[in-house]
Amino acid sequence: MKTVEKLRDLSIHELHEKDIELRKELFNLRFQHASHQLENTARLRLVRRDIARVKTIIKEKKMQGAED
């Protein structure tokens, strides 16, 4: 995952795309976990945190009025 500084350089549109990408990854990880195919279960936690980071940065940008 990109660092927070790199995420802050993205536009709101790019952050929304990143959010969608991470949510798809989380869905696939949950599916693998349910079928006992997931080897690295810590990845679930990391992806959830990445989603939270992206959503936080989106909210910060919207509050600053940096709409794209």
PDB file of N, CA and C in Angstrom:
ATOM      1  N   MET A   1       0.842  -1.187   0.000  1.00  0.00           N
ATOM      2  CA  MET A   1       0.000   0.000   0.000  1.00  0.00           C
ATOM      3  C   MET A   1       0.876   1.234   0.000  1.00  0.00           C
ATOM      4  N   LYS A   2       0.392   2.252  -0.635  1.00  0.00           N
ATOM      5  CA  LYS A   2       1.110   3.522  -0.688  1.00  0.00           C
ATOM      6  C   LYS A   2       1.151   4.165   0.689  1.00  0.00           C
ATOM      7  N   THR A   3       2.135   4.972   0.891  1.00  0.00           N
ATOM      8  CA  THR A   3       2.199   5.692   2.156  1.00  0.00           C
ATOM      9  C   THR A   3       1.137   6.786   2.172  1.00  0.00           C
ATOM     10  N   VAL A   4       0.895   7.325   3.341  1.00  0.00           N
ATOM     11  CA  VAL A   4      -0.133   8.357   3.490  1.00  0.00           C
ATOM     12  C   VAL A   4       0.215   9.580   2.649  1.00  0.00           C
ATOM     13  N   GLU A   5       1.495   9.924   2.589  1.00  0.00           N
ATOM     14  CA  GLU A   5       1.898  11.096   1.805  1.00  0.00           C
ATOM     15  C   GLU A   5       1.553  10.914   0.332  1.00  0.00           C
ATOM     16  N   LYS A   6       1.768   9.712  -0.177  1.00  0.00           N
ATOM     17  CA  LYS A   6       1.440   9.453  -1.588  1.00  0.00           C
ATOM     18  C   LYS A   6      -0.067   9.489  -1.810  1.00  0.00           C
ATOM     19  N   LEU A   7      -0.827   9.000  -0.834  1.00  0.00           N
ATOM     20  CA  LEU A   7      -2.286   9.044  -0.965  1.00  0.00           C
ATOM     21  C   LEU A   7      -2.790  10.475  -0.968  1.00  0.00           C
ATOM     22  N   ARG A   8      -2.175  11.328  -0.171  1.00  0.00           N
ATOM     23  CA  ARG A   8      -2.605  12.728  -0.108  1.00  0.00           C
ATOM     24  C   ARG A   8      -2.355  13.467  -1.417  1.00  0.00           C
ATOM     25  N   ASP A   9      -1.433  12.978  -2.232  1.00  0.00           N
ATOM     26  CA  ASP A   9      -1.152  13.608  -3.516  1.00  0.00           C
ATOM     27  C   ASP A   9      -2.187  13.261  -4.583  1.00  0.00           C
ATOM     28  N   LEU A  10      -3.009  12.245  -4.336  1.00  0.00           N
ATOM     29  CA  LEU A  10      -4.010  11.830  -5.307  1.00  0.00           C
ATOM     30  C   LEU A  10      -5.220  12.757  -5.256  1.00  0.00           C
ATOM     31  N   SER A  11      -5.926  12.824  -6.377  1.00  0.00           N
ATOM     32  CA  SER A  11      -7.164  13.617  -6.415  1.00  0.00           C
ATOM     33  C   SER A  11      -8.290  12.821  -5.759  1.00  0.00           C
ATOM     34  N   ILE A  12      -9.393  13.493  -5.513  1.00  0.00           N
ATOM     35  CA  ILE A  12     -10.535  12.819  -4.893  1.00  0.00           C
ATOM     36  C   ILE A  12     -11.044  11.697  -5.791  1.00  0.00           C
ATOM     37  N   HIS A  13     -11.067  11.938  -7.082  1.00  0.00           N
ATOM     38  CA  HIS A  13     -11.510  10.908  -8.028  1.00  0.00           C
ATOM     39  C   HIS A  13     -10.598   9.679  -7.951  1.00  0.00           C
ATOM     40  N   GLU A  14      -9.304   9.893  -7.916  1.00  0.00           N
ATOM     41  CA  GLU A  14      -8.347   8.783  -7.823  1.00  0.00           C
ATOM     42  C   GLU A  14      -8.484   8.044  -6.487  1.00  0.00           C
ATOM     43  N   LEU A  15      -8.783   8.788  -5.434  1.00  0.00           N
ATOM     44  CA  LEU A  15      -8.985   8.160  -4.133  1.00  0.00           C
ATOM     45  C   LEU A  15     -10.243   7.298  -4.120  1.00  0.00           C
ATOM     46  N   HIS A  16     -11.296   7.750  -4.802  1.00  0.00           N
ATOM     47  CA  HIS A  16     -12.515   6.941  -4.910  1.00  0.00           C
ATOM     48  C   HIS A  16     -12.223   5.648  -5.671  1.00  0.00           C
ATOM     49  N   GLU A  17     -11.428   5.740  -6.729  1.00  0.00           N
ATOM     50  CA  GLU A  17     -11.055   4.541  -7.483  1.00  0.00           C
ATOM     51  C   GLU A  17     -10.245   3.585  -6.609  1.00  0.00           C
ATOM     52  N   LYS A  18      -9.347   4.129  -5.806  1.00  0.00           N
ATOM     53  CA  LYS A  18      -8.536   3.317  -4.899  1.00  0.00           C
ATOM     54  C   LYS A  18      -9.432   2.642  -3.867  1.00  0.00           C
ATOM     55  N   ASP A  19     -10.434   3.356  -3.379  1.00  0.00           N
ATOM     56  CA  ASP A  19     -11.376   2.802  -2.417  1.00  0.00           C
ATOM     57  C   ASP A  19     -12.122   1.615  -3.020  1.00  0.00           C
ATOM     58  N   ILE A  20     -12.580   1.760  -4.235  1.00  0.00           N
ATOM     59  CA  ILE A  20     -13.294   0.673  -4.915  1.00  0.00           C
ATOM     60  C   ILE A  20     -12.378  -0.533  -5.090  1.00  0.00           C
ATOM     61  N   GLU A  21     -11.149  -0.281  -5.491  1.00  0.00           N
ATOM     62  CA  GLU A  21     -10.170  -1.352  -5.682  1.00  0.00           C
ATOM     63  C   GLU A  21      -9.922  -2.114  -4.362  1.00  0.00           C
ATOM     64  N   LEU A  22      -9.764  -1.377  -3.280  1.00  0.00           N
ATOM     65  CA  LEU A  22      -9.516  -2.006  -1.985  1.00  0.00           C
ATOM     66  C   LEU A  22     -10.732  -2.783  -1.494  1.00  0.00           C
ATOM     67  N   ARG A  23     -11.924  -2.260  -1.756  1.00  0.00           N
ATOM     68  CA  ARG A  23     -13.136  -2.977  -1.336  1.00  0.00           C
ATOM     69  C   ARG A  23     -13.297  -4.292  -2.103  1.00  0.00           C
ATOM     70  N   LYS A  24     -12.919  -4.297  -3.385  1.00  0.00           N
ATOM     71  CA  LYS A  24     -12.961  -5.537  -4.163  1.00  0.00           C
ATOM     72  C   LYS A  24     -11.956  -6.544  -3.607  1.00  0.00           C
ATOM     73  N   GLU A  25     -10.776  -6.045  -3.257  1.00  0.00           N
ATOM     74  CA  GLU A  25      -9.764  -6.923  -2.671  1.00  0.00           C
ATOM     75  C   GLU A  25     -10.253  -7.496  -1.344  1.00  0.00           C
ATOM     76  N   LEU A  26     -10.876  -6.666  -0.523  1.00  0.00           N
ATOM     77  CA  LEU A  26     -11.402  -7.126   0.761  1.00  0.00           C
ATOM     78  C   LEU A  26     -12.477  -8.191   0.554  1.00  0.00           C
ATOM     79  N   PHE A  27     -13.348  -7.999  -0.417  1.00  0.00           N
ATOM     80  CA  PHE A  27     -14.377  -8.990  -0.721  1.00  0.00           C
ATOM     81  C   PHE A  27     -13.736 -10.325  -1.077  1.00  0.00           C
ATOM     82  N   ASN A  28     -12.725 -10.268  -1.950  1.00  0.00           N
ATOM     83  CA  ASN A  28     -12.054 -11.506  -2.360  1.00  0.00           C
ATOM     84  C   ASN A  28     -11.332 -12.173  -1.189  1.00  0.00           C
ATOM     85  N   LEU A  29     -10.723 -11.376  -0.332  1.00  0.00           N
ATOM     86  CA  LEU A  29     -10.046 -11.942   0.836  1.00  0.00           C
ATOM     87  C   LEU A  29     -11.043 -12.602   1.787  1.00  0.00           C
ATOM     88  N   ARG A  30     -12.190 -11.965   1.971  1.00  0.00           N
ATOM     89  CA  ARG A  30     -13.219 -12.556   2.843  1.00  0.00           C
ATOM     90  C   ARG A  30     -13.739 -13.863   2.260  1.00  0.00           C
ATOM     91  N   PHE A  31     -13.903 -13.902   0.960  1.00  0.00           N
ATOM     92  CA  PHE A  31     -14.360 -15.113   0.288  1.00  0.00           C
ATOM     93  C   PHE A  31     -13.339 -16.229   0.469  1.00  0.00           C
ATOM     94  N   GLN A  32     -12.063 -15.921   0.281  1.00  0.00           N
ATOM     95  CA  GLN A  32     -11.002 -16.909   0.466  1.00  0.00           C
ATOM     96  C   GLN A  32     -10.942 -17.379   1.921  1.00  0.00           C
ATOM     97  N   HIS A  33     -11.132 -16.458   2.848  1.00  0.00           N
ATOM     98  CA  HIS A  33     -11.093 -16.802   4.263  1.00  0.00           C
ATOM     99  C   HIS A  33     -12.237 -17.763   4.616  1.00  0.00           C
ATOM    100  N   ALA A  34     -13.409 -17.503   4.083  1.00  0.00           N
ATOM    101  CA  ALA A  34     -14.570 -18.344   4.361  1.00  0.00           C
ATOM    102  C   ALA A  34     -14.400 -19.749   3.791  1.00  0.00           C
ATOM    103  N   SER A  35     -13.683 -19.856   2.682  1.00  0.00           N
ATOM    104  CA  SER A  35     -13.473 -21.171   2.062  1.00  0.00           C
ATOM    105  C   SER A  35     -12.150 -21.801   2.493  1.00  0.00           C
ATOM    106  N   HIS A  36     -11.524 -21.242   3.514  1.00  0.00           N
ATOM    107  CA  HIS A  36     -10.272 -21.753   4.095  1.00  0.00           C
ATOM    108  C   HIS A  36      -9.125 -21.818   3.085  1.00  0.00           C
ATOM    109  N   GLN A  37      -9.073 -20.864   2.189  1.00  0.00           N
ATOM    110  CA  GLN A  37      -7.996 -20.794   1.208  1.00  0.00           C
ATOM    111  C   GLN A  37      -7.038 -19.646   1.487  1.00  0.00           C
ATOM    112  N   LEU A  38      -7.348 -18.809   2.450  1.00  0.00           N
ATOM    113  CA  LEU A  38      -6.532 -17.636   2.739  1.00  0.00           C
ATOM    114  C   LEU A  38      -5.388 -18.019   3.665  1.00  0.00           C
ATOM    115  N   GLU A  39      -4.164 -17.808   3.201  1.00  0.00           N
ATOM    116  CA  GLU A  39      -2.989 -18.157   3.998  1.00  0.00           C
ATOM    117  C   GLU A  39      -2.600 -17.018   4.936  1.00  0.00           C
ATOM    118  N   ASN A  40      -2.644 -15.773   4.443  1.00  0.00           N
ATOM    119  CA  ASN A  40      -2.228 -14.625   5.241  1.00  0.00           C
ATOM    120  C   ASN A  40      -3.470 -13.884   5.737  1.00  0.00           C
ATOM    121  N   THR A  41      -3.971 -14.293   6.895  1.00  0.00           N
ATOM    122  CA  THR A  41      -5.191 -13.677   7.418  1.00  0.00           C
ATOM    123  C   THR A  41      -4.965 -12.247   7.887  1.00  0.00           C
ATOM    124  N   ALA A  42      -3.730 -11.870   8.152  1.00  0.00           N
ATOM    125  CA  ALA A  42      -3.431 -10.495   8.565  1.00  0.00           C
ATOM    126  C   ALA A  42      -3.710  -9.508   7.435  1.00  0.00           C
ATOM    127  N   ARG A  43      -3.747  -9.984   6.210  1.00  0.00           N
ATOM    128  CA  ARG A  43      -4.016  -9.121   5.059  1.00  0.00           C
ATOM    129  C   ARG A  43      -5.404  -8.488   5.160  1.00  0.00           C
ATOM    130  N   LEU A  44      -6.361  -9.210   5.750  1.00  0.00           N
ATOM    131  CA  LEU A  44      -7.700  -8.660   5.943  1.00  0.00           C
ATOM    132  C   LEU A  44      -7.636  -7.369   6.755  1.00  0.00           C
ATOM    133  N   ARG A  45      -6.910  -7.407   7.833  1.00  0.00           N
ATOM    134  CA  ARG A  45      -6.790  -6.248   8.713  1.00  0.00           C
ATOM    135  C   ARG A  45      -6.093  -5.084   8.005  1.00  0.00           C
ATOM    136  N   LEU A  46      -5.042  -5.390   7.256  1.00  0.00           N
ATOM    137  CA  LEU A  46      -4.307  -4.346   6.547  1.00  0.00           C
ATOM    138  C   LEU A  46      -5.170  -3.653   5.494  1.00  0.00           C
ATOM    139  N   VAL A  47      -5.962  -4.427   4.776  1.00  0.00           N
ATOM    140  CA  VAL A  47      -6.821  -3.853   3.737  1.00  0.00           C
ATOM    141  C   VAL A  47      -7.907  -2.990   4.365  1.00  0.00           C
ATOM    142  N   ARG A  48      -8.487  -3.442   5.484  1.00  0.00           N
ATOM    143  CA  ARG A  48      -9.500  -2.626   6.176  1.00  0.00           C
ATOM    144  C   ARG A  48      -8.906  -1.302   6.624  1.00  0.00           C
ATOM    145  N   ARG A  49      -7.687  -1.333   7.117  1.00  0.00           N
ATOM    146  CA  ARG A  49      -7.029  -0.101   7.554  1.00  0.00           C
ATOM    147  C   ARG A  49      -6.719   0.810   6.370  1.00  0.00           C
ATOM    148  N   ASP A  50      -6.333   0.222   5.248  1.00  0.00           N
ATOM    149  CA  ASP A  50      -6.066   1.022   4.051  1.00  0.00           C
ATOM    150  C   ASP A  50      -7.339   1.713   3.571  1.00  0.00           C
ATOM    151  N   ILE A  51      -8.460   1.007   3.632  1.00  0.00           N
ATOM    152  CA  ILE A  51      -9.743   1.602   3.251  1.00  0.00           C
ATOM    153  C   ILE A  51     -10.055   2.785   4.169  1.00  0.00           C
ATOM    154  N   ALA A  52      -9.820   2.608   5.454  1.00  0.00           N
ATOM    155  CA  ALA A  52     -10.072   3.686   6.407  1.00  0.00           C
ATOM    156  C   ALA A  52      -9.177   4.885   6.120  1.00  0.00           C
ATOM    157  N   ARG A  53      -7.916   4.647   5.765  1.00  0.00           N
ATOM    158  CA  ARG A  53      -7.002   5.745   5.429  1.00  0.00           C
ATOM    159  C   ARG A  53      -7.513   6.528   4.229  1.00  0.00           C
ATOM    160  N   VAL A  54      -7.929   5.801   3.196  1.00  0.00           N
ATOM    161  CA  VAL A  54      -8.410   6.449   1.979  1.00  0.00           C
ATOM    162  C   VAL A  54      -9.659   7.267   2.275  1.00  0.00           C
ATOM    163  N   LYS A  55     -10.598   6.696   3.024  1.00  0.00           N
ATOM    164  CA  LYS A  55     -11.826   7.413   3.351  1.00  0.00           C
ATOM    165  C   LYS A  55     -11.536   8.659   4.190  1.00  0.00           C
ATOM    166  N   THR A  56     -10.571   8.567   5.097  1.00  0.00           N
ATOM    167  CA  THR A  56     -10.207   9.718   5.924  1.00  0.00           C
ATOM    168  C   THR A  56      -9.633  10.842   5.072  1.00  0.00           C
ATOM    169  N   ILE A  57      -8.777  10.486   4.136  1.00  0.00           N
ATOM    170  CA  ILE A  57      -8.159  11.497   3.272  1.00  0.00           C
ATOM    171  C   ILE A  57      -9.203  12.127   2.362  1.00  0.00           C
ATOM    172  N   ILE A  58     -10.151  11.334   1.871  1.00  0.00           N
ATOM    173  CA  ILE A  58     -11.234  11.875   1.048  1.00  0.00           C
ATOM    174  C   ILE A  58     -12.023  12.906   1.853  1.00  0.00           C
ATOM    175  N   LYS A  59     -12.346  12.564   3.100  1.00  0.00           N
ATOM    176  CA  LYS A  59     -13.116  13.486   3.941  1.00  0.00           C
ATOM    177  C   LYS A  59     -12.329  14.768   4.215  1.00  0.00           C
ATOM    178  N   GLU A  60     -11.030  14.628   4.472  1.00  0.00           N
ATOM    179  CA  GLU A  60     -10.198  15.809   4.710  1.00  0.00           C
ATOM    180  C   GLU A  60     -10.187  16.727   3.494  1.00  0.00           C
ATOM    181  N   LYS A  61     -10.037  16.123   2.321  1.00  0.00           N
ATOM    182  CA  LYS A  61      -9.993  16.928   1.091  1.00  0.00           C
ATOM    183  C   LYS A  61     -11.327  17.625   0.847  1.00  0.00           C
ATOM    184  N   LYS A  62     -12.427  16.934   1.109  1.00  0.00           N
ATOM    185  CA  LYS A  62     -13.731  17.551   0.914  1.00  0.00           C
ATOM    186  C   LYS A  62     -13.957  18.702   1.886  1.00  0.00           C
ATOM    187  N   MET A  63     -13.473  18.563   3.080  1.00  0.00           N
ATOM    188  CA  MET A  63     -13.609  19.641   4.059  1.00  0.00           C
ATOM    189  C   MET A  63     -12.764  20.848   3.689  1.00  0.00           C
ATOM    190  N   GLN A  64     -11.669  20.629   2.964  1.00  0.00           N
ATOM    191  CA  GLN A  64     -10.823  21.717   2.513  1.00  0.00           C
ATOM    192  C   GLN A  64     -11.378  22.376   1.248  1.00  0.00           C
ATOM    193  N   GLY A  65     -12.383  21.733   0.663  1.00  0.00           N
ATOM    194  CA  GLY A  65     -12.985  22.298  -0.539  1.00  0.00           C
ATOM    195  C   GLY A  65     -12.192  22.005  -1.807  1.00  0.00           C
ATOM    196  N   ALA A  66     -11.481  20.919  -1.828  1.00  0.00           N
ATOM    197  CA  ALA A  66     -10.656  20.565  -2.985  1.00  0.00           C
ATOM    198  C   ALA A  66     -11.387  19.609  -3.917  1.00  0.00           C
ATOM    199  N   GLU A  67     -12.630  19.896  -4.211  1.00  0.00           N
ATOM    200  CA  GLU A  67     -13.414  19.048  -5.098  1.00  0.00           C
ATOM    201  C   GLU A  67     -12.794  19.003  -6.488  1.00  0.00           C
ATOM    202  N   ASP A  68     -12.848  17.816  -7.096  1.00  0.00           N
ATOM    203  CA  ASP A  68     -12.357  17.659  -8.487  1.00  0.00           C
ATOM    204  C   ASP A  68     -13.511  17.517  -9.443  1.00  0.00           C
TER     205      ASP A  68
END
